[in-house]
N, C-alpha and C. Protein backbone atom coordinates (compact mmCIF):
# COMPACT_ATOMS: atom_id res chain seq x y z
N MET A 1 34.82 10.13 21.07
CA MET A 1 34.39 11.17 20.18
C MET A 1 33.80 10.50 18.94
N ILE A 2 32.61 10.91 18.55
CA ILE A 2 31.99 10.44 17.32
C ILE A 2 31.99 11.60 16.34
N ILE A 3 32.47 11.37 15.13
CA ILE A 3 32.52 12.41 14.11
C ILE A 3 31.30 12.26 13.21
N LEU A 4 30.55 13.36 13.02
CA LEU A 4 29.34 13.36 12.21
C LEU A 4 29.45 14.41 11.11
N ASN A 5 28.74 14.16 10.01
CA ASN A 5 28.56 15.16 8.97
C ASN A 5 27.08 15.47 8.96
N VAL A 6 26.71 16.62 9.54
CA VAL A 6 25.31 16.99 9.71
C VAL A 6 25.08 18.36 9.09
N ALA A 7 24.09 18.44 8.22
CA ALA A 7 23.74 19.70 7.55
C ALA A 7 24.95 20.33 6.87
N GLY A 8 25.81 19.49 6.29
CA GLY A 8 26.98 19.98 5.58
C GLY A 8 28.11 20.42 6.48
N ARG A 9 28.01 20.15 7.77
CA ARG A 9 29.06 20.51 8.72
C ARG A 9 29.63 19.25 9.34
N VAL A 10 30.95 19.22 9.49
CA VAL A 10 31.60 18.11 10.18
C VAL A 10 31.77 18.53 11.63
N MET A 11 31.31 17.66 12.53
CA MET A 11 31.40 17.99 13.96
C MET A 11 31.70 16.74 14.75
N GLY A 12 32.22 16.93 15.93
CA GLY A 12 32.48 15.83 16.84
C GLY A 12 31.57 15.94 18.05
N ILE A 13 31.11 14.79 18.51
CA ILE A 13 30.27 14.74 19.70
C ILE A 13 30.96 13.85 20.72
N LYS A 14 31.15 14.35 21.90
CA LYS A 14 31.79 13.59 22.95
C LYS A 14 30.76 12.64 23.57
N VAL A 15 31.10 11.37 23.62
CA VAL A 15 30.22 10.37 24.19
C VAL A 15 30.93 9.67 25.34
N GLY A 16 30.15 9.06 26.21
CA GLY A 16 30.72 8.36 27.35
C GLY A 16 31.48 7.11 26.96
N GLY A 17 31.06 6.47 25.88
CA GLY A 17 31.74 5.26 25.43
C GLY A 17 31.04 4.67 24.23
N VAL A 18 31.75 3.85 23.52
CA VAL A 18 31.21 3.14 22.36
C VAL A 18 31.53 1.67 22.58
N SER A 19 30.49 0.83 22.55
CA SER A 19 30.73 -0.59 22.80
C SER A 19 31.08 -1.34 21.52
N ASP A 20 30.48 -0.96 20.40
CA ASP A 20 30.72 -1.66 19.13
C ASP A 20 30.54 -0.70 17.97
N VAL A 21 31.21 -1.00 16.88
CA VAL A 21 30.96 -0.34 15.59
C VAL A 21 30.62 -1.48 14.64
N ILE A 22 29.41 -1.43 14.08
CA ILE A 22 28.96 -2.54 13.24
C ILE A 22 28.44 -2.00 11.91
N THR A 23 28.36 -2.86 10.94
CA THR A 23 27.79 -2.54 9.64
C THR A 23 26.59 -3.44 9.42
N LEU A 24 25.45 -2.83 9.10
CA LEU A 24 24.24 -3.60 8.83
C LEU A 24 24.01 -3.69 7.33
N ARG A 25 23.59 -4.86 6.89
CA ARG A 25 23.18 -5.02 5.50
C ARG A 25 21.77 -4.48 5.35
N GLU A 26 21.39 -4.14 4.15
CA GLU A 26 20.08 -3.54 3.90
C GLU A 26 18.94 -4.41 4.45
N GLY A 27 19.03 -5.70 4.33
CA GLY A 27 17.98 -6.60 4.80
C GLY A 27 17.85 -6.67 6.31
N GLN A 28 18.84 -6.14 7.04
CA GLN A 28 18.79 -6.16 8.50
C GLN A 28 18.08 -4.94 9.07
N ILE A 29 17.72 -3.97 8.24
CA ILE A 29 17.08 -2.74 8.71
C ILE A 29 15.61 -2.78 8.34
N GLN A 30 14.76 -2.63 9.34
CA GLN A 30 13.32 -2.62 9.16
C GLN A 30 12.81 -1.19 9.25
N PRO A 31 11.67 -0.86 8.63
CA PRO A 31 11.12 0.49 8.73
C PRO A 31 10.77 0.85 10.17
N GLU A 32 10.61 2.15 10.40
CA GLU A 32 10.27 2.62 11.76
C GLU A 32 8.95 1.99 12.20
N PRO A 33 8.83 1.73 13.48
CA PRO A 33 7.61 1.08 13.98
C PRO A 33 6.44 2.04 14.09
N GLU A 34 5.26 1.50 14.03
CA GLU A 34 4.03 2.27 14.24
C GLU A 34 3.61 2.05 15.69
N LEU A 35 3.98 2.96 16.58
CA LEU A 35 3.68 2.79 18.00
C LEU A 35 2.59 3.73 18.48
N GLY A 36 1.96 4.46 17.56
CA GLY A 36 0.88 5.37 17.95
C GLY A 36 1.40 6.46 18.87
N SER A 37 0.65 6.77 19.89
CA SER A 37 1.03 7.84 20.81
C SER A 37 1.75 7.32 22.04
N VAL A 38 2.03 6.02 22.08
CA VAL A 38 2.70 5.44 23.25
C VAL A 38 4.12 5.97 23.40
N ILE A 39 4.86 6.00 22.29
CA ILE A 39 6.24 6.47 22.28
C ILE A 39 6.41 7.42 21.11
N ASP A 40 7.12 8.53 21.34
CA ASP A 40 7.38 9.48 20.26
C ASP A 40 8.45 8.90 19.33
N THR A 41 8.07 8.59 18.11
CA THR A 41 9.00 8.00 17.14
C THR A 41 9.44 8.99 16.07
N GLU A 42 9.32 10.27 16.36
CA GLU A 42 9.63 11.31 15.38
C GLU A 42 11.05 11.18 14.82
N TYR A 43 12.02 10.78 15.63
CA TYR A 43 13.41 10.73 15.20
C TYR A 43 13.87 9.32 14.85
N ILE A 44 13.00 8.32 15.02
CA ILE A 44 13.35 6.95 14.70
C ILE A 44 13.06 6.68 13.23
N THR A 45 14.07 6.21 12.51
CA THR A 45 13.89 5.95 11.08
C THR A 45 13.87 4.46 10.76
N GLY A 46 14.22 3.63 11.71
CA GLY A 46 14.18 2.20 11.47
C GLY A 46 14.70 1.41 12.65
N LEU A 47 14.57 0.10 12.55
CA LEU A 47 15.07 -0.82 13.56
C LEU A 47 15.98 -1.83 12.88
N GLY A 48 16.99 -2.26 13.59
CA GLY A 48 17.90 -3.25 13.06
C GLY A 48 18.11 -4.36 14.06
N ALA A 49 18.56 -5.49 13.59
CA ALA A 49 18.83 -6.62 14.48
C ALA A 49 20.18 -7.22 14.13
N VAL A 50 20.99 -7.43 15.15
CA VAL A 50 22.27 -8.10 15.00
C VAL A 50 22.34 -9.14 16.11
N ASP A 51 22.48 -10.40 15.70
CA ASP A 51 22.44 -11.51 16.64
C ASP A 51 21.15 -11.39 17.46
N GLU A 52 21.26 -11.19 18.76
CA GLU A 52 20.06 -11.07 19.59
C GLU A 52 19.86 -9.64 20.08
N ARG A 53 20.53 -8.68 19.45
CA ARG A 53 20.42 -7.27 19.86
C ARG A 53 19.49 -6.52 18.92
N MET A 54 18.65 -5.66 19.49
CA MET A 54 17.78 -4.78 18.71
C MET A 54 18.43 -3.40 18.69
N LEU A 55 18.57 -2.82 17.51
CA LEU A 55 19.19 -1.52 17.34
C LEU A 55 18.15 -0.53 16.85
N ILE A 56 18.22 0.69 17.33
CA ILE A 56 17.29 1.73 16.91
C ILE A 56 18.04 2.70 16.01
N TRP A 57 17.53 2.91 14.80
CA TRP A 57 18.10 3.82 13.81
C TRP A 57 17.53 5.20 14.05
N ILE A 58 18.36 6.20 14.33
CA ILE A 58 17.89 7.55 14.66
C ILE A 58 18.37 8.53 13.60
N ASP A 59 17.49 9.44 13.20
CA ASP A 59 17.86 10.52 12.28
C ASP A 59 18.57 11.59 13.11
N ILE A 60 19.89 11.50 13.21
CA ILE A 60 20.66 12.39 14.08
C ILE A 60 20.57 13.84 13.62
N GLU A 61 20.52 14.07 12.30
CA GLU A 61 20.43 15.44 11.79
C GLU A 61 19.11 16.07 12.21
N LYS A 62 18.03 15.33 12.11
CA LYS A 62 16.72 15.84 12.50
C LYS A 62 16.66 16.10 14.00
N SER A 63 17.22 15.20 14.79
CA SER A 63 17.17 15.39 16.24
C SER A 63 18.04 16.55 16.71
N MET A 64 19.19 16.76 16.07
CA MET A 64 20.07 17.85 16.47
C MET A 64 19.55 19.21 16.03
N SER A 65 18.70 19.24 15.01
CA SER A 65 18.16 20.52 14.56
C SER A 65 16.76 20.77 15.11
N SER A 66 16.29 19.91 16.00
CA SER A 66 14.96 20.09 16.59
C SER A 66 14.94 21.34 17.47
N SER A 67 13.76 21.88 17.67
CA SER A 67 13.66 23.10 18.49
C SER A 67 14.07 22.83 19.93
N GLY A 68 13.89 21.62 20.41
CA GLY A 68 14.27 21.29 21.78
C GLY A 68 15.77 21.26 21.98
N LEU A 69 16.50 20.72 21.02
CA LEU A 69 17.94 20.62 21.13
C LEU A 69 18.61 21.82 20.49
N GLY A 70 18.16 22.19 19.29
CA GLY A 70 18.60 23.42 18.63
C GLY A 70 20.10 23.56 18.42
N LEU A 71 20.82 22.46 18.21
CA LEU A 71 22.25 22.55 18.01
C LEU A 71 22.63 23.00 16.60
N ILE A 72 21.74 22.76 15.66
CA ILE A 72 22.02 23.14 14.27
C ILE A 72 20.87 23.99 13.76
N LYS A 73 21.20 25.12 13.25
CA LYS A 73 20.17 25.99 12.66
C LYS A 73 20.11 25.72 11.16
N GLN A 74 18.94 25.40 10.68
CA GLN A 74 18.77 25.14 9.24
C GLN A 74 18.61 26.49 8.53
N SER A 75 19.29 26.64 7.42
CA SER A 75 19.14 27.88 6.65
C SER A 75 17.94 27.74 5.72
N ILE A 76 17.16 28.76 5.62
CA ILE A 76 15.99 28.78 4.75
C ILE A 76 16.37 29.51 3.48
N GLN A 77 16.23 28.85 2.35
CA GLN A 77 16.61 29.42 1.07
C GLN A 77 15.48 30.26 0.53
C-alpha cells in the first residue's frame, strides 16, 4: 500500500510490490525530456538517476485526475 496526499485528500493505493524507497538530492533530478510526439510525456515531470538506474518522475496528482483515469475530481472555484 502506498499512501498519497493528492488534491488535499489522503488515500492509499494498492500496489503489487515496492522494490526500494529512495531519496534523491536535487542535483539528481533532471527536467522532463523533450521527446516530441514519440512518447506522451504529459505526466512526466523529470528524470532521476541512482547508481545505474534511470527513474521517471511522474506527476501522480495530474495523472489521477486525468479524464482517462478520473479518480479525482478537481473542484472549480
